[in-house]
Amino acid sequence: QFYQSEENAPRGEYVLVIAGKSEEELEQEKRLSWEGLSVEE
């Protein structure tokens, strides 16, 4: 959203430092993978 405006048009060289997937996200994904399963399944 920030770089959509002409005022903030990118200039210069950039390095992007991006956070990795969090433990909470991993747990959520794991939960979704078995949420519809019975205990036996």
All heavy atoms as atom14 arrays in JSON, in Angstrom:
{
  "sequence": "QFYQSEENAPRGEYVLVIAGKSEEELEQEKRLSWEGLSVEE",
  "atom14_mask": [
    [1, 1, 1, 1, 1, 1, 1, 1, 1, 0, 0, 0, 0, 0],
    [1, 1, 1, 1, 1, 1, 1, 1, 1, 1, 1, 0, 0, 0],
    [1, 1, 1, 1, 1, 1, 1, 1, 1, 1, 1, 1, 0, 0],
    [1, 1, 1, 1, 1, 1, 1, 1, 1, 0, 0, 0, 0, 0],
    [1, 1, 1, 1, 1, 1, 0, 0, 0, 0, 0, 0, 0, 0],
    [1, 1, 1, 1, 1, 1, 1, 1, 1, 0, 0, 0, 0, 0],
    [1, 1, 1, 1, 1, 1, 1, 1, 1, 0, 0, 0, 0, 0],
    [1, 1, 1, 1, 1, 1, 1, 1, 0, 0, 0, 0, 0, 0],
    [1, 1, 1, 1, 1, 0, 0, 0, 0, 0, 0, 0, 0, 0],
    [1, 1, 1, 1, 1, 1, 1, 0, 0, 0, 0, 0, 0, 0],
    [1, 1, 1, 1, 1, 1, 1, 1, 1, 1, 1, 0, 0, 0],
    [1, 1, 1, 1, 0, 0, 0, 0, 0, 0, 0, 0, 0, 0],
    [1, 1, 1, 1, 1, 1, 1, 1, 1, 0, 0, 0, 0, 0],
    [1, 1, 1, 1, 1, 1, 1, 1, 1, 1, 1, 1, 0, 0],
    [1, 1, 1, 1, 1, 1, 1, 0, 0, 0, 0, 0, 0, 0],
    [1, 1, 1, 1, 1, 1, 1, 1, 0, 0, 0, 0, 0, 0],
    [1, 1, 1, 1, 1, 1, 1, 0, 0, 0, 0, 0, 0, 0],
    [1, 1, 1, 1, 1, 1, 1, 1, 0, 0, 0, 0, 0, 0],
    [1, 1, 1, 1, 1, 0, 0, 0, 0, 0, 0, 0, 0, 0],
    [1, 1, 1, 1, 0, 0, 0, 0, 0, 0, 0, 0, 0, 0],
    [1, 1, 1, 1, 1, 1, 1, 1, 1, 0, 0, 0, 0, 0],
    [1, 1, 1, 1, 1, 1, 0, 0, 0, 0, 0, 0, 0, 0],
    [1, 1, 1, 1, 1, 1, 1, 1, 1, 0, 0, 0, 0, 0],
    [1, 1, 1, 1, 1, 1, 1, 1, 1, 0, 0, 0, 0, 0],
    [1, 1, 1, 1, 1, 1, 1, 1, 1, 0, 0, 0, 0, 0],
    [1, 1, 1, 1, 1, 1, 1, 1, 0, 0, 0, 0, 0, 0],
    [1, 1, 1, 1, 1, 1, 1, 1, 1, 0, 0, 0, 0, 0],
    [1, 1, 1, 1, 1, 1, 1, 1, 1, 0, 0, 0, 0, 0],
    [1, 1, 1, 1, 1, 1, 1, 1, 1, 0, 0, 0, 0, 0],
    [1, 1, 1, 1, 1, 1, 1, 1, 1, 0, 0, 0, 0, 0],
    [1, 1, 1, 1, 1, 1, 1, 1, 1, 1, 1, 0, 0, 0],
    [1, 1, 1, 1, 1, 1, 1, 1, 0, 0, 0, 0, 0, 0],
    [1, 1, 1, 1, 1, 1, 0, 0, 0, 0, 0, 0, 0, 0],
    [1, 1, 1, 1, 1, 1, 1, 1, 1, 1, 1, 1, 1, 1],
    [1, 1, 1, 1, 1, 1, 1, 1, 1, 0, 0, 0, 0, 0],
    [1, 1, 1, 1, 0, 0, 0, 0, 0, 0, 0, 0, 0, 0],
    [1, 1, 1, 1, 1, 1, 1, 1, 0, 0, 0, 0, 0, 0],
    [1, 1, 1, 1, 1, 1, 0, 0, 0, 0, 0, 0, 0, 0],
    [1, 1, 1, 1, 1, 1, 1, 0, 0, 0, 0, 0, 0, 0],
    [1, 1, 1, 1, 1, 1, 1, 1, 1, 0, 0, 0, 0, 0],
    [1, 1, 1, 1, 1, 1, 1, 1, 1, 0, 0, 0, 0, 0]
  ],
  "atom14_positions": [
    [[0.83, -1.21, 0.0], [0.0, 0.0, 0.0], [0.87, 1.26, 0.0], [0.58, 2.23, -0.71], [-0.91, -0.02, 1.22], [-1.99, 1.04, 1.21], [-2.97, 0.88, 2.35], [-2.79, 0.03, 3.22], [-4.0, 1.69, 2.36], [0.0, 0.0, 0.0], [0.0, 0.0, 0.0], [0.0, 0.0, 0.0], [0.0, 0.0, 0.0], [0.0, 0.0, 0.0]],
    [[1.95, 1.24, 0.77], [2.84, 2.4, 0.9], [3.43, 2.81, -0.45], [3.5, 3.99, -0.79], [3.95, 2.08, 1.89], [4.97, 3.17, 2.06], [4.72, 4.25, 2.89], [6.2, 3.11, 1.4], [5.67, 5.26, 3.06], [7.14, 4.11, 1.56], [6.88, 5.2, 2.39], [0.0, 0.0, 0.0], [0.0, 0.0, 0.0], [0.0, 0.0, 0.0]],
    [[3.87, 1.81, -1.24], [4.56, 2.12, -2.48], [3.62, 2.37, -3.66], [4.07, 2.59, -4.78], [5.56, 1.01, -2.83], [6.77, 1.03, -1.92], [6.94, 0.06, -0.95], [7.72, 2.04, -2.02], [8.04, 0.09, -0.09], [8.82, 2.09, -1.19], [8.98, 1.11, -0.22], [10.06, 1.15, 0.62], [0.0, 0.0, 0.0], [0.0, 0.0, 0.0]],
    [[2.31, 2.35, -3.42], [1.36, 2.62, -4.5], [1.33, 4.1, -4.87], [1.05, 4.45, -6.02], [-0.05, 2.18, -4.08], [-0.27, 0.68, -4.18], [-1.64, 0.27, -3.69], [-2.42, 1.1, -3.23], [-1.93, -1.02, -3.77], [0.0, 0.0, 0.0], [0.0, 0.0, 0.0], [0.0, 0.0, 0.0], [0.0, 0.0, 0.0], [0.0, 0.0, 0.0]],
    [[1.65, 4.98, -3.92], [1.6, 6.42, -4.2], [2.85, 6.88, -4.94], [3.95, 6.34, -4.73], [1.46, 7.21, -2.9], [2.65, 7.15, -2.15], [0.0, 0.0, 0.0], [0.0, 0.0, 0.0], [0.0, 0.0, 0.0], [0.0, 0.0, 0.0], [0.0, 0.0, 0.0], [0.0, 0.0, 0.0], [0.0, 0.0, 0.0], [0.0, 0.0, 0.0]],
    [[2.7, 7.86, -5.8], [3.82, 8.4, -6.57], [4.87, 9.02, -5.65], [6.07, 8.98, -5.93], [3.3, 9.44, -7.57], [4.33, 9.86, -8.58], [3.75, 10.78, -9.65], [2.56, 10.61, -9.99], [4.48, 11.66, -10.12], [0.0, 0.0, 0.0], [0.0, 0.0, 0.0], [0.0, 0.0, 0.0], [0.0, 0.0, 0.0], [0.0, 0.0, 0.0]],
    [[4.41, 9.56, -4.55], [5.31, 10.19, -3.58], [6.32, 9.19, -3.01], [7.46, 9.54, -2.72], [4.48, 10.78, -2.44], [5.3, 11.47, -1.35], [4.44, 11.9, -0.18], [3.2, 11.81, -0.27], [5.01, 12.33, 0.83], [0.0, 0.0, 0.0], [0.0, 0.0, 0.0], [0.0, 0.0, 0.0], [0.0, 0.0, 0.0], [0.0, 0.0, 0.0]],
    [[5.89, 7.94, -2.87], [6.75, 6.91, -2.29], [7.31, 5.94, -3.34], [7.7, 4.82, -3.0], [5.97, 6.11, -1.24], [5.5, 6.98, -0.1], [6.23, 7.85, 0.37], [4.27, 6.76, 0.35], [0.0, 0.0, 0.0], [0.0, 0.0, 0.0], [0.0, 0.0, 0.0], [0.0, 0.0, 0.0], [0.0, 0.0, 0.0], [0.0, 0.0, 0.0]],
    [[7.34, 6.39, -4.59], [7.86, 5.52, -5.66], [9.27, 5.06, -5.31], [10.1, 5.85, -4.85], [7.87, 6.29, -6.98], [0.0, 0.0, 0.0], [0.0, 0.0, 0.0], [0.0, 0.0, 0.0], [0.0, 0.0, 0.0], [0.0, 0.0, 0.0], [0.0, 0.0, 0.0], [0.0, 0.0, 0.0], [0.0, 0.0, 0.0], [0.0, 0.0, 0.0]],
    [[9.57, 3.76, -5.48], [10.88, 3.22, -5.09], [12.05, 3.89, -5.8], [12.01, 4.09, -7.01], [10.78, 1.75, -5.48], [9.32, 1.46, -5.52], [8.67, 2.71, -5.99], [0.0, 0.0, 0.0], [0.0, 0.0, 0.0], [0.0, 0.0, 0.0], [0.0, 0.0, 0.0], [0.0, 0.0, 0.0], [0.0, 0.0, 0.0], [0.0, 0.0, 0.0]],
    [[13.06, 4.23, -5.02], [14.31, 4.78, -5.55], [15.46, 4.2, -4.75], [15.36, 4.08, -3.54], [14.33, 6.31, -5.45], [13.25, 7.01, -6.26], [13.31, 8.52, -6.07], [12.25, 9.21, -6.79], [11.03, 9.41, -6.34], [10.71, 8.96, -5.12], [10.11, 10.02, -7.06], [0.0, 0.0, 0.0], [0.0, 0.0, 0.0], [0.0, 0.0, 0.0]],
    [[16.54, 3.84, -5.41], [17.69, 3.29, -4.71], [17.67, 1.78, -4.68], [16.83, 1.13, -5.31], [0.0, 0.0, 0.0], [0.0, 0.0, 0.0], [0.0, 0.0, 0.0], [0.0, 0.0, 0.0], [0.0, 0.0, 0.0], [0.0, 0.0, 0.0], [0.0, 0.0, 0.0], [0.0, 0.0, 0.0], [0.0, 0.0, 0.0], [0.0, 0.0, 0.0]],
    [[18.59, 1.21, -3.93], [18.71, -0.25, -3.83], [18.09, -0.73, -2.52], [18.25, -0.08, -1.48], [20.18, -0.66, -3.9], [20.87, -0.28, -5.21], [20.21, -0.91, -6.42], [19.88, -2.11, -6.35], [20.01, -0.21, -7.44], [0.0, 0.0, 0.0], [0.0, 0.0, 0.0], [0.0, 0.0, 0.0], [0.0, 0.0, 0.0], [0.0, 0.0, 0.0]],
    [[17.45, -1.89, -2.57], [16.7, -2.38, -1.41], [17.16, -3.78, -0.98], [17.57, -4.6, -1.81], [15.21, -2.46, -1.74], [14.56, -1.11, -1.96], [14.65, -0.48, -3.19], [13.89, -0.46, -0.93], [14.06, 0.77, -3.4], [13.3, 0.78, -1.12], [13.39, 1.39, -2.36], [12.82, 2.62, -2.56], [0.0, 0.0, 0.0], [0.0, 0.0, 0.0]],
    [[17.04, -4.01, 0.33], [17.18, -5.36, 0.88], [15.92, -5.62, 1.7], [15.55, -4.81, 2.56], [18.43, -5.5, 1.78], [18.55, -6.96, 2.28], [19.7, -5.1, 1.03], [0.0, 0.0, 0.0], [0.0, 0.0, 0.0], [0.0, 0.0, 0.0], [0.0, 0.0, 0.0], [0.0, 0.0, 0.0], [0.0, 0.0, 0.0], [0.0, 0.0, 0.0]],
    [[15.25, -6.72, 1.43], [14.04, -7.09, 2.17], [14.41, -8.17, 3.18], [14.98, -9.2, 2.82], [12.97, -7.63, 1.21], [12.64, -6.77, 0.0], [11.57, -7.44, -0.85], [12.21, -5.37, 0.42], [0.0, 0.0, 0.0], [0.0, 0.0, 0.0], [0.0, 0.0, 0.0], [0.0, 0.0, 0.0], [0.0, 0.0, 0.0], [0.0, 0.0, 0.0]],
    [[14.07, -7.93, 4.45], [14.33, -8.91, 5.51], [12.95, -9.35, 6.01], [12.22, -8.57, 6.63], [15.17, -8.31, 6.64], [15.51, -9.38, 7.68], [16.47, -7.69, 6.08], [0.0, 0.0, 0.0], [0.0, 0.0, 0.0], [0.0, 0.0, 0.0], [0.0, 0.0, 0.0], [0.0, 0.0, 0.0], [0.0, 0.0, 0.0], [0.0, 0.0, 0.0]],
    [[12.6, -10.59, 5.72], [11.23, -11.08, 5.92], [11.2, -12.13, 7.02], [11.99, -13.09, 7.03], [10.7, -11.7, 4.61], [10.87, -10.72, 3.46], [9.25, -12.12, 4.76], [10.81, -11.35, 2.1], [0.0, 0.0, 0.0], [0.0, 0.0, 0.0], [0.0, 0.0, 0.0], [0.0, 0.0, 0.0], [0.0, 0.0, 0.0], [0.0, 0.0, 0.0]],
    [[10.28, -11.96, 7.95], [10.13, -12.93, 9.04], [9.74, -14.29, 8.49], [8.98, -14.4, 7.52], [9.06, -12.44, 10.03], [0.0, 0.0, 0.0], [0.0, 0.0, 0.0], [0.0, 0.0, 0.0], [0.0, 0.0, 0.0], [0.0, 0.0, 0.0], [0.0, 0.0, 0.0], [0.0, 0.0, 0.0], [0.0, 0.0, 0.0], [0.0, 0.0, 0.0]],
    [[10.26, -15.35, 9.1], [9.87, -16.7, 8.71], [8.5, -17.05, 9.27], [7.92, -16.29, 10.05], [0.0, 0.0, 0.0], [0.0, 0.0, 0.0], [0.0, 0.0, 0.0], [0.0, 0.0, 0.0], [0.0, 0.0, 0.0], [0.0, 0.0, 0.0], [0.0, 0.0, 0.0], [0.0, 0.0, 0.0], [0.0, 0.0, 0.0], [0.0, 0.0, 0.0]],
    [[7.98, -18.19, 8.87], [6.69, -18.65, 9.36], [6.8, -18.9, 10.86], [7.75, -19.54, 11.32], [6.28, -19.93, 8.62], [4.94, -20.47, 9.05], [4.53, -21.66, 8.2], [4.04, -21.2, 6.83], [3.48, -22.34, 6.05], [0.0, 0.0, 0.0], [0.0, 0.0, 0.0], [0.0, 0.0, 0.0], [0.0, 0.0, 0.0], [0.0, 0.0, 0.0]],
    [[5.85, -18.42, 11.62], [5.91, -18.52, 13.08], [5.46, -19.9, 13.56], [4.79, -20.65, 12.84], [5.01, -17.46, 13.72], [3.64, -17.74, 13.44], [0.0, 0.0, 0.0], [0.0, 0.0, 0.0], [0.0, 0.0, 0.0], [0.0, 0.0, 0.0], [0.0, 0.0, 0.0], [0.0, 0.0, 0.0], [0.0, 0.0, 0.0], [0.0, 0.0, 0.0]],
    [[5.81, -20.21, 14.82], [5.38, -21.46, 15.44], [3.86, -21.54, 15.49], [3.27, -22.61, 15.33], [5.96, -21.59, 16.85], [7.47, -21.8, 16.89], [7.88, -23.11, 16.23], [7.12, -24.1, 16.38], [8.93, -23.15, 15.58], [0.0, 0.0, 0.0], [0.0, 0.0, 0.0], [0.0, 0.0, 0.0], [0.0, 0.0, 0.0], [0.0, 0.0, 0.0]],
    [[3.22, -20.4, 15.74], [1.75, -20.36, 15.8], [1.13, -20.76, 14.47], [0.15, -21.51, 14.43], [1.27, -18.95, 16.19], [1.59, -18.52, 17.61], [3.05, -18.12, 17.8], [3.74, -17.91, 16.78], [3.48, -18.03, 18.96], [0.0, 0.0, 0.0], [0.0, 0.0, 0.0], [0.0, 0.0, 0.0], [0.0, 0.0, 0.0], [0.0, 0.0, 0.0]],
    [[1.73, -20.25, 13.37], [1.23, -20.61, 12.05], [1.4, -22.1, 11.78], [0.52, -22.76, 11.21], [1.95, -19.81, 10.97], [1.57, -18.34, 10.89], [2.37, -17.6, 9.85], [3.57, -17.37, 10.08], [1.8, -17.28, 8.8], [0.0, 0.0, 0.0], [0.0, 0.0, 0.0], [0.0, 0.0, 0.0], [0.0, 0.0, 0.0], [0.0, 0.0, 0.0]],
    [[2.56, -22.64, 12.18], [2.81, -24.06, 11.98], [1.82, -24.92, 12.75], [1.3, -25.91, 12.24], [4.25, -24.41, 12.41], [5.37, -23.86, 11.53], [6.72, -24.12, 12.19], [5.33, -24.49, 10.15], [0.0, 0.0, 0.0], [0.0, 0.0, 0.0], [0.0, 0.0, 0.0], [0.0, 0.0, 0.0], [0.0, 0.0, 0.0], [0.0, 0.0, 0.0]],
    [[1.56, -24.52, 14.0], [0.6, -25.25, 14.83], [-0.8, -25.18, 14.22], [-1.54, -26.16, 14.22], [0.58, -24.68, 16.26], [1.81, -25.02, 17.08], [1.96, -26.52, 17.3], [0.93, -27.19, 17.49], [3.1, -27.01, 17.27], [0.0, 0.0, 0.0], [0.0, 0.0, 0.0], [0.0, 0.0, 0.0], [0.0, 0.0, 0.0], [0.0, 0.0, 0.0]],
    [[-1.16, -24.0, 13.72], [-2.48, -23.82, 13.1], [-2.62, -24.72, 11.87], [-3.65, -25.36, 11.66], [-2.67, -22.36, 12.71], [-3.96, -22.05, 11.96], [-5.21, -22.24, 12.8], [-5.15, -22.41, 14.01], [-6.36, -22.23, 12.15], [0.0, 0.0, 0.0], [0.0, 0.0, 0.0], [0.0, 0.0, 0.0], [0.0, 0.0, 0.0], [0.0, 0.0, 0.0]],
    [[-1.57, -24.77, 11.05], [-1.6, -25.62, 9.85], [-1.73, -27.09, 10.23], [-2.46, -27.85, 9.59], [-0.34, -25.39, 9.02], [-0.34, -24.07, 8.28], [0.92, -23.89, 7.46], [1.77, -24.8, 7.45], [1.06, -22.83, 6.83], [0.0, 0.0, 0.0], [0.0, 0.0, 0.0], [0.0, 0.0, 0.0], [0.0, 0.0, 0.0], [0.0, 0.0, 0.0]],
    [[-0.99, -27.49, 11.27], [-1.04, -28.88, 11.72], [-2.44, -29.22, 12.22], [-2.98, -30.29, 11.95], [-0.01, -29.1, 12.83], [0.27, -30.56, 13.14], [1.32, -30.71, 14.22], [2.7, -30.41, 13.72], [3.73, -30.69, 14.76], [0.0, 0.0, 0.0], [0.0, 0.0, 0.0], [0.0, 0.0, 0.0], [0.0, 0.0, 0.0], [0.0, 0.0, 0.0]],
    [[-3.05, -28.26, 12.95], [-4.38, -28.47, 13.49], [-5.4, -28.62, 12.37], [-6.27, -29.49, 12.41], [-4.76, -27.29, 14.4], [-6.03, -27.52, 15.23], [-6.31, -26.36, 16.17], [-5.2, -26.13, 17.09], [-4.39, -25.08, 17.07], [-4.57, -24.13, 16.18], [-3.41, -24.95, 17.94], [0.0, 0.0, 0.0], [0.0, 0.0, 0.0], [0.0, 0.0, 0.0]],
    [[-5.27, -27.78, 11.36], [-6.21, -27.85, 10.22], [-6.09, -29.17, 9.47], [-7.05, -29.65, 8.89], [-5.96, -26.68, 9.26], [-6.36, -25.3, 9.76], [-5.89, -24.22, 8.79], [-7.88, -25.21, 9.95], [0.0, 0.0, 0.0], [0.0, 0.0, 0.0], [0.0, 0.0, 0.0], [0.0, 0.0, 0.0], [0.0, 0.0, 0.0], [0.0, 0.0, 0.0]],
    [[-4.88, -29.74, 9.49], [-4.65, -30.99, 8.75], [-5.4, -32.17, 9.36], [-5.67, -33.16, 8.69], [-3.15, -31.3, 8.67], [-2.65, -31.69, 9.94], [0.0, 0.0, 0.0], [0.0, 0.0, 0.0], [0.0, 0.0, 0.0], [0.0, 0.0, 0.0], [0.0, 0.0, 0.0], [0.0, 0.0, 0.0], [0.0, 0.0, 0.0], [0.0, 0.0, 0.0]],
    [[-5.72, -32.12, 10.69], [-6.42, -33.24, 11.31], [-7.79, -32.87, 11.88], [-8.52, -33.72, 12.38], [-5.57, -33.87, 12.42], [-5.12, -32.95, 13.54], [-3.88, -32.43, 13.69], [-5.89, -32.48, 14.65], [-3.81, -31.65, 14.82], [-5.04, -31.66, 15.43], [-7.21, -32.64, 15.07], [-5.47, -31.02, 16.6], [-7.64, -32.01, 16.24], [-6.76, -31.21, 16.98]],
    [[-8.16, -31.61, 11.76], [-9.39, -31.14, 12.4], [-10.63, -31.92, 11.96], [-11.56, -32.17, 12.74], [-9.6, -29.65, 12.14], [-10.07, -28.91, 13.39], [-9.93, -27.4, 13.24], [-10.16, -26.89, 12.13], [-9.58, -26.73, 14.21], [0.0, 0.0, 0.0], [0.0, 0.0, 0.0], [0.0, 0.0, 0.0], [0.0, 0.0, 0.0], [0.0, 0.0, 0.0]],
    [[-10.67, -32.34, 10.71], [-11.84, -33.05, 10.22], [-11.75, -34.56, 10.38], [-12.62, -35.29, 9.89], [0.0, 0.0, 0.0], [0.0, 0.0, 0.0], [0.0, 0.0, 0.0], [0.0, 0.0, 0.0], [0.0, 0.0, 0.0], [0.0, 0.0, 0.0], [0.0, 0.0, 0.0], [0.0, 0.0, 0.0], [0.0, 0.0, 0.0], [0.0, 0.0, 0.0]],
    [[-10.68, -35.03, 11.04], [-10.47, -36.47, 11.21], [-10.96, -36.95, 12.57], [-10.88, -36.23, 13.56], [-8.98, -36.81, 11.07], [-8.27, -36.42, 9.77], [-6.8, -36.78, 9.87], [-8.9, -37.09, 8.56], [0.0, 0.0, 0.0], [0.0, 0.0, 0.0], [0.0, 0.0, 0.0], [0.0, 0.0, 0.0], [0.0, 0.0, 0.0], [0.0, 0.0, 0.0]],
    [[-11.39, -38.19, 12.6], [-11.65, -38.82, 13.9], [-10.31, -39.18, 14.53], [-9.27, -39.13, 13.87], [-12.48, -40.1, 13.7], [-11.7, -41.07, 13.01], [0.0, 0.0, 0.0], [0.0, 0.0, 0.0], [0.0, 0.0, 0.0], [0.0, 0.0, 0.0], [0.0, 0.0, 0.0], [0.0, 0.0, 0.0], [0.0, 0.0, 0.0], [0.0, 0.0, 0.0]],
    [[-10.33, -39.56, 15.82], [-9.09, -39.94, 16.49], [-8.46, -41.14, 15.78], [-7.24, -41.19, 15.57], [-9.35, -40.27, 17.98], [-8.07, -40.79, 18.64], [-9.85, -39.04, 18.72], [0.0, 0.0, 0.0], [0.0, 0.0, 0.0], [0.0, 0.0, 0.0], [0.0, 0.0, 0.0], [0.0, 0.0, 0.0], [0.0, 0.0, 0.0], [0.0, 0.0, 0.0]],
    [[-9.28, -42.09, 15.37], [-8.75, -43.27, 14.68], [-8.11, -42.89, 13.35], [-7.02, -43.36, 13.01], [-9.88, -44.28, 14.43], [-9.38, -45.56, 13.76], [-10.47, -46.6, 13.57], [-11.46, -46.57, 14.33], [-10.31, -47.44, 12.67], [0.0, 0.0, 0.0], [0.0, 0.0, 0.0], [0.0, 0.0, 0.0], [0.0, 0.0, 0.0], [0.0, 0.0, 0.0]],
    [[-8.77, -42.01, 12.59], [-8.21, -41.57, 11.3], [-6.91, -40.79, 11.51], [-5.97, -40.9, 10.72], [-9.24, -40.71, 10.58], [-10.42, -41.49, 10.04], [-11.53, -40.58, 9.54], [-11.66, -39.44, 10.05], [-12.29, -41.02, 8.65], [0.0, 0.0, 0.0], [0.0, 0.0, 0.0], [0.0, 0.0, 0.0], [0.0, 0.0, 0.0], [0.0, 0.0, 0.0]]
  ]
}
